[in-house]
Each structure stands twice: as C-alpha cells, then as structure tokens.
C-alpha cells in the first residue's frame, strides 16, 4: 500500500545516521514488545506478512508519531483484537480480564530456543522456470495496491538489470491477505540512481532491490 511506511527514496527525511554502539533495545519495554510478538506467532493466527501489514496499515499521522517498537505493539494489539483474542478493555488495562481463548499452539518457556533456532524459511521448491535471467533488462510495474506489497514506490515504473536470482519464495502480497503462500521467483534488480531520481542524482550510485516476479515485466514491453 502507499503509506507513510514506504519512505525509501523520499526527500525531506535527511540522511540515515547510524548510532554508534547502538544497543539491541533502547528501553526494557522494547524487548518485552519484541518478545510478545515472537511468543504470539506460534499461535498460528497470522503470518509474518500479516504482521507487517498490521503495522503499516495506519494513517500517516499515526504511523509517523510512533517509534519502531510502538508500531510493533500497535500492530500486535490490532491483530489480537481482530481475532477476538483480547478485548479493548483488556488492552486498556494491560491485563487479562476473561478466560483465554484456545489457539493452535502456545510457545512454552522451555521450547523457545528450539523453536527459534529452526527459523522460518520462506523459500519453497519449484519446477516452474524463472521468467528472467541475470543480465535481463526489466521494468518494475507501476502498481498501487491498497494492501501489503514489498515493491517500494520509488522503483515503480523504473528500469533496471537483473543481477541475481534468489530462489522461489512465499509471495508477501497474497500471504498478507490470507490467500495462501503463492510462491514466486525472487530477483535482485539493480537500478541506476539517475534512473530513479533523474539527472541530478549522483551517477556513481546504484540501488539493488529484491523484487518478486509479479512485480516485473520486460523493459521493452509496452506499458
């Protein structure tokens, strides 16, 4: 979706300045929010792309007024409430007021290391050939979905070169809507800075973006 979260390549936000010796969390509550998100995942009520959409699907004023982990908390509260796992008064009071609802699985203390050491790979097996090859000239489609997508606005309608094939992966646009994994080929596409931002851009710079096959079309194809 075209929301405030998609700020890549946008003027006005200033340079990204890395924090020296940045801690993993800046406050104890941030670690708790992260842990709550991880602990809620095994319940099987949503997937990673639904979680991303819950964080980004809010007004620009709301999104930009929240810090990183405030957005994580807001997204988690939204998903829990939508599925009837918590109520508004429980969120307000920050404690359970009713009998908990049953879910598919509960992450127990003793299994945390085992569960998260396995990871959740997104790559899937395929017998479908990739449409594009390394070196192909491709154009990112000028799409404007109202739901979750991983194609940033600043590359839409722009032409680049395929530099890597990344395998066959879960397609986030459908996965975020609960419409299945719908795996697709994933590519790394390199764009010249001047192609993205015009003649005033520094021609020495290039930007590489990972893009799923449905986002792309041959550069010579009529739009």
Protein backbone atom coordinates (compact mmCIF):
# COMPACT_ATOMS: atom_id res chain seq x y z
CA UNK A 1 0.00 0.00 0.00
CA UNK A 2 1.09 3.60 -0.49
CA UNK A 3 1.51 4.55 3.14
CA UNK A 4 3.85 6.59 5.30
CA UNK A 5 5.92 3.48 5.95
CA UNK A 6 7.14 3.46 2.33
CA UNK A 7 9.60 6.33 2.75
CA UNK A 8 12.53 4.89 0.79
CA UNK A 9 13.96 7.40 -1.66
CA UNK A 10 11.73 10.20 -0.33
CA UNK A 11 13.13 13.70 0.11
CA UNK A 12 12.95 15.54 3.43
CA UNK A 13 13.83 12.89 6.00
CA UNK A 14 17.54 13.67 5.97
CA UNK A 15 20.46 11.23 5.93
CA UNK A 16 20.47 7.93 7.81
CA UNK A 17 22.95 8.38 10.65
CA UNK A 18 23.93 5.08 12.35
CA UNK A 19 24.05 5.23 16.13
CA UNK A 20 27.49 4.33 17.49
CA UNK A 21 27.40 1.22 19.71
CA UNK A 22 23.65 1.04 19.32
CA UNK A 23 22.05 -1.33 21.88
CA UNK A 24 19.66 -4.06 20.79
CA UNK A 25 16.88 -2.28 22.70
CA UNK A 26 16.85 1.30 23.95
CA UNK A 27 14.43 0.53 26.78
CA UNK A 28 13.23 -2.57 28.62
CA UNK A 29 9.70 -2.25 27.24
CA UNK A 30 11.01 -2.58 23.67
CA UNK A 31 12.40 -6.01 24.48
CA UNK A 32 9.07 -7.02 26.02
CA UNK A 33 7.17 -5.92 22.91
CA UNK A 34 9.55 -7.90 20.71
CA UNK A 35 9.13 -10.95 22.94
CA UNK A 36 5.33 -10.63 22.90
CA UNK A 37 5.35 -10.61 19.10
CA UNK A 38 7.57 -13.69 18.93
CA UNK A 39 5.53 -15.53 21.56
CA UNK A 40 2.27 -14.79 19.74
CA UNK A 41 3.42 -16.12 16.37
CA UNK A 42 3.26 -19.87 17.18
CA UNK A 43 -0.45 -19.50 18.00
CA UNK A 44 -0.93 -19.71 14.23
CA UNK A 45 -3.37 -16.82 13.95
CA UNK A 46 -1.33 -14.82 11.40
CA UNK A 47 1.86 -14.90 9.36
CA UNK A 48 4.81 -12.52 9.04
CA UNK A 49 3.28 -10.59 6.14
CA UNK A 50 0.02 -10.08 8.02
CA UNK A 51 2.11 -8.72 10.88
CA UNK A 52 3.88 -6.25 8.61
CA UNK A 53 0.57 -5.09 7.14
CA UNK A 54 -0.90 -4.58 10.63
CA UNK A 55 1.98 -2.24 11.46
CA UNK A 56 1.90 -0.24 8.22
CA UNK A 57 -1.87 -0.01 7.67
CA UNK A 58 -2.49 3.22 9.57
CA UNK A 59 -2.74 6.92 8.84
CA UNK A 60 0.46 8.87 8.15
CA UNK A 61 -0.05 10.94 11.31
CA UNK A 62 -0.40 7.80 13.42
CA UNK A 63 2.48 5.97 11.76
CA UNK A 64 4.97 8.85 11.91
CA UNK A 65 4.12 9.67 15.53
CA UNK A 66 5.13 6.21 16.73
CA UNK A 67 8.60 4.81 17.34
CA UNK A 68 9.68 1.49 15.83
CA UNK A 69 8.55 -0.71 18.72
CA UNK A 70 5.45 1.37 19.35
CA UNK A 71 4.42 0.31 15.84
CA UNK A 72 5.16 -3.31 16.69
CA UNK A 73 2.94 -3.03 19.76
CA UNK A 74 0.14 -1.29 17.85
CA UNK A 75 0.25 -3.96 15.14
CA UNK A 76 0.13 -6.78 17.69
CA UNK A 77 -2.81 -5.22 19.52
CA UNK A 78 -4.65 -4.85 16.21
CA UNK A 79 -4.15 -8.49 15.21
CA UNK A 80 -5.11 -9.81 18.66
CA UNK A 81 -8.25 -7.68 18.75
CA UNK A 82 -9.32 -8.55 15.19
CA UNK A 83 -9.18 -12.25 16.06
CA UNK A 84 -11.05 -11.86 19.34
CA UNK A 85 -8.06 -12.93 21.42
CA UNK A 86 -8.15 -9.76 23.52
CA UNK A 87 -10.76 -7.05 24.09
CA UNK A 88 -10.43 -3.28 24.10
CA UNK A 89 -10.72 -3.12 27.89
CA UNK A 90 -8.00 -5.75 28.31
CA UNK A 91 -5.68 -3.73 26.08
CA UNK A 92 -6.53 -0.60 28.08
CA UNK A 93 -5.92 -2.26 31.44
CA UNK A 94 -2.89 -4.26 30.17
CA UNK A 95 -4.11 -7.43 31.88
CA UNK A 96 -6.34 -10.41 31.23
CA UNK A 97 -9.96 -9.92 32.31
CA UNK A 98 -11.52 -13.10 30.89
CA UNK A 99 -10.78 -16.74 30.27
CA UNK A 100 -8.20 -17.04 27.48
CA UNK A 101 -9.34 -18.40 24.15
CA UNK A 102 -7.79 -21.58 22.84
CA UNK A 103 -5.30 -21.30 19.99
CA UNK A 104 -3.42 -23.80 17.85
CA UNK A 105 -0.19 -23.73 19.81
CA UNK A 106 1.45 -21.98 22.76
CA UNK A 107 5.14 -21.12 22.91
CA UNK A 108 6.37 -22.52 26.22
CA UNK A 109 9.42 -21.27 28.06
CA UNK A 110 11.39 -24.49 27.66
CA UNK A 111 10.92 -24.63 23.88
CA UNK A 112 11.90 -21.06 22.95
CA UNK A 113 15.46 -21.87 21.87
CA UNK A 114 14.42 -24.92 19.86
CA UNK A 115 11.56 -23.13 18.07
CA UNK A 116 13.52 -20.06 17.03
CA UNK A 117 16.73 -21.88 16.15
CA UNK A 118 14.74 -23.66 13.41
CA UNK A 119 13.82 -20.37 11.76
CA UNK A 120 11.00 -19.95 9.25
CA UNK A 121 12.50 -20.10 5.77
CA UNK A 122 10.41 -18.54 3.03
CA UNK A 123 11.97 -20.47 0.12
CA UNK A 124 9.86 -23.18 -1.48
CA UNK A 125 10.62 -25.95 -4.01
CA UNK A 126 9.63 -25.34 -7.61
CA UNK A 127 9.55 -26.88 -11.06
CA UNK A 128 8.47 -23.58 -12.63
CA UNK A 129 11.23 -21.92 -14.70
CA UNK A 130 12.19 -18.33 -13.88
CA UNK A 131 10.89 -15.83 -16.42
CA UNK A 132 14.02 -13.64 -16.24
CA UNK A 133 17.75 -14.31 -16.30
CA UNK A 134 20.77 -12.48 -14.92
CA UNK A 135 21.53 -9.54 -17.20
CA UNK A 136 17.93 -9.07 -18.41
CA UNK A 137 16.59 -5.53 -18.57
CA UNK A 138 13.32 -5.33 -16.62
CA UNK A 139 10.86 -2.68 -15.54
CA UNK A 140 9.20 -2.58 -12.13
CA UNK A 141 5.47 -2.37 -12.72
CA UNK A 142 3.71 0.83 -11.71
CA UNK A 143 1.31 -0.81 -9.27
CA UNK A 144 -0.54 0.89 -6.41
CA UNK A 145 -2.17 -1.84 -4.32
CA UNK A 146 -4.24 -0.89 -1.28
CA UNK A 147 -2.88 -3.87 0.65
CA UNK A 148 0.60 -5.12 1.54
CA UNK A 149 3.37 -5.18 -1.06
CA UNK A 150 7.16 -5.25 -0.89
CA UNK A 151 7.72 -3.24 -4.08
CA UNK A 152 8.83 0.26 -2.99
CA UNK A 153 7.22 3.22 -4.71
CA UNK A 154 10.47 4.83 -5.80
CA UNK A 155 11.32 1.98 -8.21
CA UNK A 156 7.86 1.57 -9.76
CA UNK A 157 7.90 2.28 -13.47
CA UNK A 158 11.71 2.31 -13.47
CA UNK A 159 14.06 0.11 -15.49
CA UNK A 160 16.87 -1.97 -14.03
CA UNK A 161 19.03 -5.03 -14.64
CA UNK A 162 18.56 -8.45 -13.05
CA UNK A 163 21.74 -9.19 -11.12
CA UNK A 164 20.74 -12.24 -9.04
CA UNK A 165 18.11 -14.97 -8.84
CA UNK A 166 17.21 -15.51 -5.18
CA UNK A 167 15.06 -18.60 -5.46
CA UNK A 168 11.34 -19.32 -5.25
CA UNK A 169 9.78 -17.65 -2.21
CA UNK A 170 6.46 -17.01 -0.49
CA UNK A 171 4.74 -14.07 -2.19
CA UNK A 172 4.00 -11.48 0.54
CA UNK A 173 1.20 -9.70 -1.34
CA UNK A 174 -1.10 -12.73 -1.19
CA UNK A 175 0.26 -14.12 2.08
CA UNK A 176 -0.64 -10.89 3.91
CA UNK A 177 -4.28 -11.32 2.85
CA UNK A 178 -4.54 -14.94 3.96
CA UNK A 179 -4.79 -16.05 0.33
CA UNK A 180 -2.02 -18.61 0.55
CA UNK A 181 1.74 -18.52 0.05
CA UNK A 182 1.54 -18.39 -3.77
CA UNK A 183 5.37 -18.73 -4.15
CA UNK A 184 7.08 -16.74 -6.89
CA UNK A 185 10.60 -16.27 -8.23
CA UNK A 186 12.56 -13.59 -6.40
CA UNK A 187 15.20 -11.46 -8.13
CA UNK A 188 17.69 -8.79 -7.16
CA UNK A 189 17.34 -5.91 -9.62
CA UNK A 190 19.94 -3.14 -9.88
CA UNK A 191 18.80 0.39 -10.73
CA UNK A 192 20.99 3.35 -11.67
CA UNK A 193 20.45 6.32 -9.36
CA UNK A 194 19.79 8.56 -12.36
CA UNK A 195 17.01 6.20 -13.48
CA UNK A 196 15.35 6.55 -10.09
CA UNK A 197 15.89 10.24 -9.35
CA UNK A 198 16.79 11.89 -12.64
CA UNK A 199 19.80 13.78 -13.93
CA UNK A 200 20.56 15.43 -10.58
CA UNK A 201 21.31 12.08 -8.93
CA UNK A 202 24.91 11.00 -8.42
CA UNK A 203 25.65 8.74 -11.38
CA UNK A 204 28.15 6.73 -9.35
CA UNK A 205 25.39 5.24 -7.20
CA UNK A 206 23.24 2.21 -7.89
CA UNK A 207 20.43 0.71 -5.83
CA UNK A 208 19.66 -3.02 -5.65
CA UNK A 209 16.12 -4.13 -4.78
CA UNK A 210 14.78 -7.64 -4.23
CA UNK A 211 11.61 -7.98 -6.31
CA UNK A 212 9.21 -10.88 -6.88
CA UNK A 213 8.43 -11.88 -10.45
CA UNK A 214 4.85 -10.47 -10.49
CA UNK A 215 6.37 -7.04 -9.83
CA UNK A 216 8.43 -7.13 -13.02
CA UNK A 217 7.97 -7.00 -16.79
CA UNK A 218 10.43 -6.97 -19.70
CA UNK A 219 11.82 -3.47 -20.18
CA UNK A 220 10.86 -3.50 -23.88
CA UNK A 221 7.25 -4.46 -23.14
CA UNK A 222 4.71 -1.72 -23.86
CA UNK A 223 3.23 -0.25 -20.68
